[in-house]
């Protein structure tokens, strides 16, 4: 068996639009998705376009640290 860090890791994607709105205290919440990424193929932070139920539109969701 291989020792060390696993190649596929779970990451949390958070809506960028909701995070900016939360500074104004007008937001109802923050949209988050859980997915996996391959650490060797994607060493940089992951950004995907997903549907945000709080913004009612497709927005960019960026990876956050746990």
Protein backbone atom coordinates (compact mmCIF):
# COMPACT_ATOMS: atom_id res chain seq x y z
CA UNK A 1 0.00 0.00 0.00
CA UNK A 2 1.10 3.50 -0.75
CA UNK A 3 1.78 5.73 2.20
CA UNK A 4 1.39 9.46 2.41
CA UNK A 5 -1.25 11.88 1.23
CA UNK A 6 -4.23 10.71 -0.76
CA UNK A 7 -4.55 11.90 -4.36
CA UNK A 8 -8.32 12.60 -4.34
CA UNK A 9 -9.42 15.00 -1.62
CA UNK A 10 -12.81 16.43 -0.64
CA UNK A 11 -13.17 20.18 -1.12
CA UNK A 12 -15.89 22.67 -0.19
CA UNK A 13 -17.06 25.17 -2.81
CA UNK A 14 -18.65 28.39 -1.54
CA UNK A 15 -20.60 31.00 -3.51
CA UNK A 16 -18.52 34.12 -4.08
CA UNK A 17 -21.60 36.34 -4.50
CA UNK A 18 -23.16 35.31 -1.17
CA UNK A 19 -19.92 35.92 0.70
CA UNK A 20 -19.79 39.49 -0.61
CA UNK A 21 -23.45 40.09 0.26
CA UNK A 22 -22.94 38.82 3.81
CA UNK A 23 -20.86 41.91 4.51
CA UNK A 24 -24.05 43.97 4.07
CA UNK A 25 -26.00 41.64 6.42
CA UNK A 26 -28.76 41.38 3.78
CA UNK A 27 -28.00 37.81 2.78
CA UNK A 28 -30.08 34.86 4.00
CA UNK A 29 -27.22 32.38 3.83
CA UNK A 30 -24.23 31.05 1.94
CA UNK A 31 -24.46 28.35 -0.73
CA UNK A 32 -21.93 25.53 -0.35
CA UNK A 33 -21.23 22.38 -2.36
CA UNK A 34 -18.98 19.42 -1.47
CA UNK A 35 -17.02 17.75 -4.28
CA UNK A 36 -13.74 15.94 -4.92
CA UNK A 37 -10.69 16.94 -6.88
CA UNK A 38 -7.50 15.23 -7.95
CA UNK A 39 -4.62 16.94 -6.19
CA UNK A 40 -2.08 16.04 -8.91
CA UNK A 41 -4.19 17.26 -11.87
CA UNK A 42 -5.56 20.39 -10.16
CA UNK A 43 -3.01 21.79 -7.69
CA UNK A 44 -4.59 25.28 -7.75
CA UNK A 45 -7.87 26.21 -6.09
CA UNK A 46 -10.96 24.94 -7.87
CA UNK A 47 -13.62 27.33 -9.23
CA UNK A 48 -16.85 26.02 -10.77
CA UNK A 49 -20.06 27.65 -11.93
CA UNK A 50 -22.94 26.26 -9.87
CA UNK A 51 -26.51 27.28 -9.05
CA UNK A 52 -26.91 29.35 -5.89
CA UNK A 53 -30.39 29.10 -4.33
CA UNK A 54 -29.81 32.33 -2.37
CA UNK A 55 -28.78 34.44 -5.39
CA UNK A 56 -31.29 32.64 -7.69
CA UNK A 57 -28.71 32.39 -10.49
CA UNK A 58 -25.61 30.53 -11.61
CA UNK A 59 -22.55 32.00 -9.88
CA UNK A 60 -18.92 31.08 -9.43
CA UNK A 61 -18.23 28.88 -6.42
CA UNK A 62 -14.64 28.88 -5.19
CA UNK A 63 -12.78 26.42 -3.02
CA UNK A 64 -12.41 27.31 0.66
CA UNK A 65 -10.12 25.89 3.29
CA UNK A 66 -11.52 23.56 5.93
